[in-house]
């Protein structure tokens, strides 16, 4: 399985360039194998990308803009879908890949798959509960407590003479 990222090397839009850099940078940083396919320099890449973006995923004008992400022939999504997956720690699922062991996404996948926290992670998530203490009812003030005088500001001041 190869992740294909369709980009436009000759884009005049700084927004598109930044989105492309974000996707490619993330894939490189996480050592995810990918293939960069330029739609500006290769007409076949442009045609293939446009034909394989599902109709319901196309923008209103009908022309999908880069970056567009595929896992082989399977459409993963555009930048917005990638960004949302990244925010939700779900990029590997978005890409159709198994998350690396020990990653947040692998941890979440194990919880979803098993319905529970894996044993090796339970020590981190268990909170030692203190026994619940029932609230004591307020007792009326006794005469001794009532006789105590609060400290006033005058008594609190230091004599500076």
N, C-alpha and C. Protein backbone atom coordinates (compact mmCIF):
# COMPACT_ATOMS: atom_id res chain seq x y z
N UNK A 1 0.84 -1.18 0.00
CA UNK A 1 0.00 0.00 0.00
C UNK A 1 0.88 1.24 0.00
N UNK A 2 0.62 2.07 -0.96
CA UNK A 2 1.40 3.30 -1.08
C UNK A 2 0.44 4.47 -0.95
N UNK A 3 0.82 5.40 -0.10
CA UNK A 3 0.04 6.62 0.03
C UNK A 3 0.45 7.53 -1.11
N UNK A 4 -0.55 8.01 -1.85
CA UNK A 4 -0.30 8.93 -2.96
C UNK A 4 -0.83 10.30 -2.58
N UNK A 5 0.02 11.29 -2.70
CA UNK A 5 -0.38 12.66 -2.41
C UNK A 5 -0.25 13.44 -3.71
N UNK A 6 -1.39 13.90 -4.21
CA UNK A 6 -1.40 14.70 -5.44
C UNK A 6 -1.22 16.15 -5.06
N UNK A 7 -0.17 16.75 -5.64
CA UNK A 7 0.17 18.14 -5.34
C UNK A 7 0.31 18.91 -6.64
N UNK A 8 0.39 20.22 -6.51
CA UNK A 8 0.65 21.08 -7.67
C UNK A 8 1.92 21.87 -7.38
N UNK A 9 3.00 21.50 -8.05
CA UNK A 9 4.29 22.17 -7.81
C UNK A 9 4.27 23.62 -8.28
N UNK A 10 3.43 23.95 -9.22
CA UNK A 10 3.40 25.30 -9.79
C UNK A 10 2.15 26.06 -9.38
N UNK A 11 1.67 25.84 -8.17
CA UNK A 11 0.46 26.54 -7.73
C UNK A 11 0.77 27.99 -7.41
N UNK A 12 -0.15 28.87 -7.79
CA UNK A 12 -0.01 30.29 -7.48
C UNK A 12 -0.62 30.62 -6.13
N UNK A 13 -1.27 29.66 -5.52
CA UNK A 13 -1.95 29.89 -4.24
C UNK A 13 -1.05 29.52 -3.07
N UNK A 14 -0.80 30.49 -2.22
CA UNK A 14 0.01 30.20 -1.03
C UNK A 14 -0.73 29.27 -0.08
N UNK A 15 -2.06 29.36 -0.05
CA UNK A 15 -2.85 28.48 0.81
C UNK A 15 -2.67 27.03 0.39
N UNK A 16 -2.72 26.77 -0.90
CA UNK A 16 -2.53 25.40 -1.41
C UNK A 16 -1.11 24.93 -1.10
N UNK A 17 -0.14 25.79 -1.29
CA UNK A 17 1.26 25.42 -1.01
C UNK A 17 1.43 25.04 0.47
N UNK A 18 0.84 25.82 1.36
CA UNK A 18 0.95 25.55 2.80
C UNK A 18 0.27 24.23 3.15
N UNK A 19 -0.89 23.98 2.57
CA UNK A 19 -1.60 22.72 2.83
C UNK A 19 -0.78 21.53 2.35
N UNK A 20 -0.20 21.65 1.17
CA UNK A 20 0.63 20.58 0.63
C UNK A 20 1.83 20.33 1.54
N UNK A 21 2.48 21.40 1.97
CA UNK A 21 3.64 21.28 2.86
C UNK A 21 3.25 20.61 4.17
N UNK A 22 2.09 20.96 4.69
CA UNK A 22 1.62 20.38 5.95
C UNK A 22 1.45 18.87 5.82
N UNK A 23 0.79 18.43 4.75
CA UNK A 23 0.57 17.00 4.54
C UNK A 23 1.90 16.27 4.34
N UNK A 24 2.72 16.78 3.43
CA UNK A 24 3.99 16.12 3.13
C UNK A 24 4.92 16.12 4.35
N UNK A 25 4.95 17.22 5.07
CA UNK A 25 5.78 17.32 6.27
C UNK A 25 5.36 16.33 7.34
N UNK A 26 4.06 16.17 7.52
CA UNK A 26 3.56 15.22 8.51
C UNK A 26 3.94 13.80 8.13
N UNK A 27 3.75 13.45 6.86
CA UNK A 27 4.07 12.10 6.40
C UNK A 27 5.57 11.81 6.56
N UNK A 28 6.40 12.78 6.21
CA UNK A 28 7.85 12.62 6.35
C UNK A 28 8.25 12.48 7.82
N UNK A 29 7.72 13.35 8.66
CA UNK A 29 8.06 13.33 10.09
C UNK A 29 7.66 12.03 10.76
N UNK A 30 6.58 11.43 10.29
CA UNK A 30 6.10 10.18 10.88
C UNK A 30 6.56 8.95 10.12
N UNK A 31 7.48 9.16 9.19
CA UNK A 31 8.09 8.08 8.41
C UNK A 31 7.04 7.18 7.74
N UNK A 32 6.04 7.83 7.17
CA UNK A 32 4.99 7.13 6.42
C UNK A 32 5.39 7.16 4.95
N UNK A 33 5.50 5.98 4.34
CA UNK A 33 5.86 5.91 2.92
C UNK A 33 4.78 6.57 2.08
N UNK A 34 5.19 7.42 1.19
CA UNK A 34 4.25 8.08 0.30
C UNK A 34 4.91 8.39 -1.02
N UNK A 35 4.07 8.65 -1.99
CA UNK A 35 4.52 9.02 -3.32
C UNK A 35 3.88 10.37 -3.64
N UNK A 36 4.71 11.31 -4.02
CA UNK A 36 4.25 12.65 -4.37
C UNK A 36 4.01 12.69 -5.88
N UNK A 37 2.77 13.00 -6.27
CA UNK A 37 2.42 13.04 -7.70
C UNK A 37 2.01 14.46 -8.07
N UNK A 38 2.75 15.03 -9.00
CA UNK A 38 2.55 16.42 -9.39
C UNK A 38 1.52 16.51 -10.52
N UNK A 39 0.44 17.26 -10.26
CA UNK A 39 -0.59 17.42 -11.30
C UNK A 39 -0.27 18.58 -12.23
N UNK A 40 0.67 19.44 -11.85
CA UNK A 40 1.05 20.57 -12.71
C UNK A 40 2.02 20.14 -13.80
N UNK A 41 2.87 19.19 -13.48
CA UNK A 41 3.89 18.76 -14.45
C UNK A 41 3.49 17.51 -15.23
N UNK A 42 2.42 16.83 -14.81
CA UNK A 42 2.05 15.58 -15.46
C UNK A 42 0.54 15.54 -15.68
N UNK A 43 0.14 15.62 -16.91
CA UNK A 43 -1.29 15.64 -17.27
C UNK A 43 -2.00 14.35 -16.85
N UNK A 44 -1.31 13.21 -16.94
CA UNK A 44 -1.92 11.94 -16.54
C UNK A 44 -2.25 11.92 -15.05
N UNK A 45 -1.37 12.49 -14.23
CA UNK A 45 -1.63 12.58 -12.78
C UNK A 45 -2.87 13.43 -12.52
N UNK A 46 -2.94 14.56 -13.22
CA UNK A 46 -4.09 15.47 -13.04
C UNK A 46 -5.38 14.77 -13.42
N UNK A 47 -5.40 14.09 -14.56
CA UNK A 47 -6.61 13.38 -15.01
C UNK A 47 -7.00 12.28 -14.03
N UNK A 48 -5.99 11.51 -13.60
CA UNK A 48 -6.28 10.39 -12.69
C UNK A 48 -6.87 10.91 -11.38
N UNK A 49 -6.27 11.96 -10.82
CA UNK A 49 -6.76 12.53 -9.57
C UNK A 49 -8.20 13.00 -9.72
N UNK A 50 -8.47 13.77 -10.77
CA UNK A 50 -9.82 14.32 -10.96
C UNK A 50 -10.86 13.23 -11.19
N UNK A 51 -10.49 12.17 -11.88
CA UNK A 51 -11.42 11.08 -12.15
C UNK A 51 -11.69 10.23 -10.92
N UNK A 52 -10.75 10.18 -9.98
CA UNK A 52 -10.86 9.26 -8.85
C UNK A 52 -11.29 9.90 -7.53
N UNK A 53 -11.45 11.21 -7.51
CA UNK A 53 -12.05 11.84 -6.33
C UNK A 53 -13.55 11.60 -6.44
N UNK A 54 -14.15 10.94 -5.44
CA UNK A 54 -15.59 10.65 -5.52
C UNK A 54 -16.43 11.91 -5.68
N UNK A 55 -17.51 11.79 -6.41
CA UNK A 55 -18.39 12.93 -6.70
C UNK A 55 -18.85 13.68 -5.47
N UNK A 56 -19.20 12.93 -4.39
CA UNK A 56 -19.70 13.60 -3.18
C UNK A 56 -18.59 14.32 -2.43
N UNK A 57 -17.36 14.06 -2.78
CA UNK A 57 -16.22 14.71 -2.12
C UNK A 57 -15.67 15.88 -2.93
N UNK A 58 -16.23 16.11 -4.08
CA UNK A 58 -15.76 17.21 -4.93
C UNK A 58 -16.31 18.55 -4.44
N UNK A 59 -15.54 19.61 -4.63
CA UNK A 59 -16.06 20.94 -4.27
C UNK A 59 -17.20 21.33 -5.22
N UNK A 60 -17.88 22.40 -4.87
CA UNK A 60 -19.04 22.84 -5.66
C UNK A 60 -18.69 23.10 -7.12
N UNK A 61 -17.48 23.61 -7.37
CA UNK A 61 -17.11 23.90 -8.77
C UNK A 61 -16.74 22.62 -9.53
N UNK A 62 -16.66 21.48 -8.82
CA UNK A 62 -16.40 20.20 -9.48
C UNK A 62 -14.95 19.87 -9.69
N UNK A 63 -14.05 20.80 -9.45
CA UNK A 63 -12.62 20.55 -9.67
C UNK A 63 -11.92 20.42 -8.32
N UNK A 64 -11.50 19.21 -7.96
CA UNK A 64 -10.80 19.04 -6.68
C UNK A 64 -9.41 19.66 -6.72
N UNK A 65 -9.08 20.39 -5.69
CA UNK A 65 -7.79 21.05 -5.60
C UNK A 65 -6.82 20.22 -4.77
N UNK A 66 -5.53 20.32 -5.07
CA UNK A 66 -4.55 19.60 -4.27
C UNK A 66 -4.40 20.26 -2.89
N UNK A 67 -3.93 19.53 -1.92
CA UNK A 67 -3.54 18.13 -1.98
C UNK A 67 -4.75 17.19 -1.87
N UNK A 68 -4.69 16.11 -2.62
CA UNK A 68 -5.66 15.04 -2.54
C UNK A 68 -4.88 13.78 -2.17
N UNK A 69 -5.43 12.98 -1.26
CA UNK A 69 -4.68 11.86 -0.70
C UNK A 69 -5.39 10.55 -0.99
N UNK A 70 -4.62 9.58 -1.48
CA UNK A 70 -5.13 8.24 -1.79
C UNK A 70 -4.23 7.20 -1.14
N UNK A 71 -4.81 6.04 -0.85
CA UNK A 71 -4.04 4.87 -0.45
C UNK A 71 -4.19 3.91 -1.62
N UNK A 72 -3.18 3.83 -2.46
CA UNK A 72 -3.25 3.14 -3.75
C UNK A 72 -4.41 3.73 -4.54
N UNK A 73 -5.45 2.95 -4.80
CA UNK A 73 -6.59 3.42 -5.58
C UNK A 73 -7.72 3.97 -4.68
N UNK A 74 -7.59 3.75 -3.37
CA UNK A 74 -8.63 4.13 -2.43
C UNK A 74 -8.49 5.60 -2.03
N UNK A 75 -9.57 6.37 -2.21
CA UNK A 75 -9.56 7.79 -1.87
C UNK A 75 -9.61 7.95 -0.36
N UNK A 76 -8.68 8.70 0.20
CA UNK A 76 -8.66 8.99 1.64
C UNK A 76 -9.35 10.33 1.92
N UNK A 77 -8.95 11.37 1.19
CA UNK A 77 -9.58 12.67 1.41
C UNK A 77 -8.70 13.82 0.96
N UNK A 78 -9.22 15.01 1.22
CA UNK A 78 -8.50 16.23 0.88
C UNK A 78 -7.80 16.77 2.12
N UNK A 79 -7.32 18.00 2.05
CA UNK A 79 -6.60 18.57 3.18
C UNK A 79 -7.50 18.70 4.41
N UNK A 80 -8.74 19.14 4.22
CA UNK A 80 -9.63 19.35 5.36
C UNK A 80 -9.85 18.04 6.12
N UNK A 81 -10.08 16.95 5.39
CA UNK A 81 -10.28 15.64 6.02
C UNK A 81 -8.99 15.19 6.72
N UNK A 82 -7.86 15.43 6.09
CA UNK A 82 -6.56 15.10 6.69
C UNK A 82 -6.37 15.89 7.98
N UNK A 83 -6.64 17.19 7.93
CA UNK A 83 -6.47 18.06 9.09
C UNK A 83 -7.34 17.58 10.25
N UNK A 84 -8.60 17.26 9.95
CA UNK A 84 -9.51 16.78 11.00
C UNK A 84 -9.02 15.47 11.60
N UNK A 85 -8.53 14.56 10.76
CA UNK A 85 -7.99 13.29 11.25
C UNK A 85 -6.77 13.53 12.14
N UNK A 86 -5.95 14.48 11.75
CA UNK A 86 -4.75 14.81 12.53
C UNK A 86 -5.15 15.36 13.90
N UNK A 87 -6.14 16.23 13.92
CA UNK A 87 -6.61 16.81 15.18
C UNK A 87 -7.21 15.75 16.10
N UNK A 88 -7.80 14.72 15.52
CA UNK A 88 -8.45 13.65 16.30
C UNK A 88 -7.52 12.47 16.55
N UNK A 89 -6.22 12.64 16.26
CA UNK A 89 -5.26 11.53 16.38
C UNK A 89 -5.73 10.31 15.61
N UNK A 90 -6.21 10.53 14.38
CA UNK A 90 -6.72 9.44 13.57
C UNK A 90 -6.15 9.41 12.17
N UNK A 91 -4.93 9.90 11.98
CA UNK A 91 -4.36 9.96 10.63
C UNK A 91 -4.14 8.58 10.04
N UNK A 92 -3.67 7.64 10.85
CA UNK A 92 -3.41 6.30 10.31
C UNK A 92 -4.71 5.65 9.83
N UNK A 93 -5.77 5.79 10.60
CA UNK A 93 -7.07 5.26 10.17
C UNK A 93 -7.53 5.98 8.90
N UNK A 94 -7.35 7.29 8.85
CA UNK A 94 -7.70 8.09 7.68
C UNK A 94 -6.97 7.58 6.45
N UNK A 95 -5.69 7.23 6.62
CA UNK A 95 -4.87 6.75 5.51
C UNK A 95 -5.08 5.26 5.22
N UNK A 96 -5.83 4.58 6.07
CA UNK A 96 -6.04 3.14 5.88
C UNK A 96 -4.83 2.33 6.28
N UNK A 97 -4.06 2.83 7.24
CA UNK A 97 -2.85 2.16 7.70
C UNK A 97 -3.00 1.75 9.16
N UNK A 98 -2.23 0.74 9.57
CA UNK A 98 -2.19 0.36 10.98
C UNK A 98 -1.31 1.36 11.72
N UNK A 99 -1.78 1.86 12.86
CA UNK A 99 -0.96 2.81 13.62
C UNK A 99 0.25 2.11 14.22
N UNK A 100 1.36 2.82 14.38
CA UNK A 100 2.53 2.20 14.99
C UNK A 100 2.28 1.87 16.46
N UNK A 101 2.84 0.75 16.94
CA UNK A 101 2.65 0.38 18.34
C UNK A 101 3.13 1.50 19.26
N UNK A 102 2.37 1.73 20.32
CA UNK A 102 2.74 2.75 21.29
C UNK A 102 2.24 4.14 20.97
N UNK A 103 1.67 4.34 19.79
CA UNK A 103 1.16 5.67 19.44
C UNK A 103 -0.19 5.91 20.09
N UNK A 104 -0.57 7.19 20.19
CA UNK A 104 -1.89 7.53 20.74
C UNK A 104 -2.99 6.85 19.94
N UNK A 105 -2.80 6.83 18.62
CA UNK A 105 -3.82 6.25 17.76
C UNK A 105 -3.93 4.75 17.97
N UNK A 106 -2.81 4.06 18.20
CA UNK A 106 -2.84 2.62 18.48
C UNK A 106 -3.55 2.36 19.80
N UNK A 107 -3.30 3.22 20.77
CA UNK A 107 -3.95 3.11 22.08
C UNK A 107 -5.47 3.27 21.94
N UNK A 108 -5.88 4.30 21.19
CA UNK A 108 -7.32 4.53 20.97
C UNK A 108 -7.95 3.38 20.21
N UNK A 109 -7.24 2.84 19.22
CA UNK A 109 -7.76 1.72 18.43
C UNK A 109 -7.95 0.50 19.30
N UNK A 110 -7.02 0.25 20.22
CA UNK A 110 -7.14 -0.90 21.12
C UNK A 110 -8.34 -0.74 22.04
N UNK A 111 -8.57 0.45 22.51
CA UNK A 111 -9.73 0.69 23.38
C UNK A 111 -11.02 0.47 22.60
N UNK A 112 -11.08 1.00 21.39
CA UNK A 112 -12.28 0.84 20.56
C UNK A 112 -12.50 -0.63 20.20
N UNK A 113 -11.43 -1.30 19.82
CA UNK A 113 -11.54 -2.69 19.39
C UNK A 113 -11.92 -3.61 20.54
N UNK A 114 -11.30 -3.43 21.70
CA UNK A 114 -11.52 -4.32 22.83
C UNK A 114 -12.57 -3.81 23.81
N UNK A 115 -12.87 -2.55 23.70
CA UNK A 115 -13.83 -1.96 24.63
C UNK A 115 -13.25 -1.71 26.00
N UNK A 116 -11.95 -1.84 26.13
CA UNK A 116 -11.31 -1.61 27.43
C UNK A 116 -9.88 -1.15 27.22
N UNK A 117 -9.30 -0.65 28.30
CA UNK A 117 -7.92 -0.18 28.24
C UNK A 117 -7.00 -1.40 28.28
N UNK A 118 -6.00 -1.48 27.40
CA UNK A 118 -5.08 -2.61 27.45
C UNK A 118 -4.40 -2.71 28.81
N UNK A 119 -4.09 -3.95 29.25
CA UNK A 119 -3.53 -4.16 30.58
C UNK A 119 -2.29 -3.35 30.84
N UNK A 120 -1.39 -3.26 29.86
CA UNK A 120 -0.16 -2.51 30.07
C UNK A 120 -0.39 -1.01 30.25
N UNK A 121 -1.56 -0.52 29.89
CA UNK A 121 -1.87 0.90 30.05
C UNK A 121 -2.72 1.18 31.28
N UNK A 122 -3.23 0.14 31.92
CA UNK A 122 -4.15 0.36 33.04
C UNK A 122 -3.48 1.04 34.21
N UNK A 123 -2.21 0.77 34.44
CA UNK A 123 -1.52 1.40 35.56
C UNK A 123 -1.51 2.92 35.41
N UNK A 124 -1.43 3.38 34.18
CA UNK A 124 -1.39 4.82 33.94
C UNK A 124 -2.76 5.47 34.13
N UNK A 125 -3.83 4.71 33.87
CA UNK A 125 -5.14 5.31 33.89
C UNK A 125 -5.90 5.09 35.18
N UNK A 126 -5.46 4.13 36.01
CA UNK A 126 -6.15 3.88 37.27
C UNK A 126 -5.83 5.01 38.24
N UNK A 127 -6.86 5.49 38.84
CA UNK A 127 -6.67 6.50 39.87
C UNK A 127 -6.93 5.84 41.20
N UNK A 128 -6.04 6.09 42.14
CA UNK A 128 -6.29 5.52 43.45
C UNK A 128 -7.39 6.35 44.09
N UNK A 129 -8.46 5.65 44.39
CA UNK A 129 -9.59 6.35 44.96
C UNK A 129 -9.45 6.40 46.47
N UNK A 130 -9.70 7.56 47.01
CA UNK A 130 -9.74 7.70 48.45
C UNK A 130 -11.13 7.31 48.88
N UNK A 131 -11.25 6.70 50.06
CA UNK A 131 -12.60 6.36 50.51
C UNK A 131 -13.44 7.63 50.62
N UNK A 132 -14.66 7.49 50.21
CA UNK A 132 -15.52 8.67 50.24
C UNK A 132 -15.85 9.02 51.68
N UNK A 133 -15.71 10.27 52.02
CA UNK A 133 -16.02 10.74 53.36
C UNK A 133 -17.36 11.44 53.28
N UNK A 134 -18.24 10.99 54.13
CA UNK A 134 -19.56 11.63 54.13
C UNK A 134 -19.43 13.03 54.70
N UNK A 135 -20.16 13.94 54.12
CA UNK A 135 -20.14 15.30 54.62
C UNK A 135 -20.69 15.32 56.03
N UNK A 136 -19.91 15.96 56.92
CA UNK A 136 -20.39 16.08 58.29
C UNK A 136 -21.43 17.19 58.32
N UNK A 137 -22.46 16.92 59.09
CA UNK A 137 -23.48 17.96 59.21
C UNK A 137 -22.90 19.11 60.00
N UNK A 138 -23.31 20.30 59.66
CA UNK A 138 -22.82 21.46 60.40
C UNK A 138 -23.42 21.43 61.80
N UNK A 139 -22.55 21.62 62.75
CA UNK A 139 -22.97 21.63 64.15
C UNK A 139 -23.20 23.08 64.58
N UNK A 140 -24.11 23.26 65.47
CA UNK A 140 -24.32 24.63 65.95
C UNK A 140 -23.07 25.13 66.67
N UNK A 141 -22.87 26.43 66.67
CA UNK A 141 -21.71 27.03 67.32
C UNK A 141 -21.89 26.92 68.82
N UNK A 142 -20.81 26.46 69.50
CA UNK A 142 -20.88 26.34 70.96
C UNK A 142 -20.56 27.68 71.59
N UNK A 143 -20.82 27.77 72.90
CA UNK A 143 -20.55 29.03 73.59
C UNK A 143 -19.07 29.37 73.55
N UNK A 144 -18.20 28.34 73.67
CA UNK A 144 -16.76 28.59 73.66
C UNK A 144 -16.32 29.16 72.31
N UNK A 145 -16.84 28.58 71.24
CA UNK A 145 -16.48 29.07 69.91
C UNK A 145 -17.04 30.47 69.69
N UNK A 146 -18.21 30.71 70.28
CA UNK A 146 -18.86 32.00 70.11
C UNK A 146 -18.08 33.10 70.81
N UNK A 147 -17.36 32.73 71.90
CA UNK A 147 -16.63 33.73 72.67
C UNK A 147 -15.34 34.17 71.97
N UNK A 148 -14.84 33.35 71.06
CA UNK A 148 -13.61 33.73 70.37
C UNK A 148 -13.85 35.00 69.57
N UNK A 149 -12.95 35.93 69.73
CA UNK A 149 -13.08 37.20 69.05
C UNK A 149 -12.22 37.19 67.79
N UNK A 150 -12.75 37.62 66.67
CA UNK A 150 -11.91 37.70 65.47
C UNK A 150 -10.85 38.78 65.63
N UNK A 151 -9.73 38.59 64.97
CA UNK A 151 -8.65 39.57 65.02
C UNK A 151 -9.08 40.75 64.16
N UNK A 152 -8.95 41.94 64.72
CA UNK A 152 -9.33 43.12 63.97
C UNK A 152 -8.10 43.71 63.32
N UNK A 153 -8.33 44.60 62.40
CA UNK A 153 -7.21 45.22 61.70
C UNK A 153 -6.33 46.00 62.66
N UNK A 154 -6.93 46.62 63.67
CA UNK A 154 -6.17 47.43 64.61
C UNK A 154 -5.19 46.56 65.38
N UNK A 155 -5.64 45.37 65.79
CA UNK A 155 -4.76 44.48 66.55
C UNK A 155 -3.69 43.89 65.65
N UNK A 156 -3.98 43.79 64.41
CA UNK A 156 -3.07 43.16 63.45
C UNK A 156 -1.92 44.10 63.07
N UNK A 157 -2.12 45.40 63.23
CA UNK A 157 -1.12 46.37 62.83
C UNK A 157 0.06 46.34 63.79
N UNK A 158 1.25 46.57 63.27
CA UNK A 158 2.47 46.57 64.10
C UNK A 158 2.76 48.01 64.49
N UNK A 159 3.13 48.19 65.75
CA UNK A 159 3.47 49.53 66.23
C UNK A 159 4.85 49.89 65.70
N UNK A 160 4.93 50.93 64.90
CA UNK A 160 6.17 51.29 64.26
C UNK A 160 6.90 52.40 65.00
N UNK A 161 6.54 52.75 66.25
CA UNK A 161 7.19 53.85 66.95
C UNK A 161 8.41 53.40 67.70
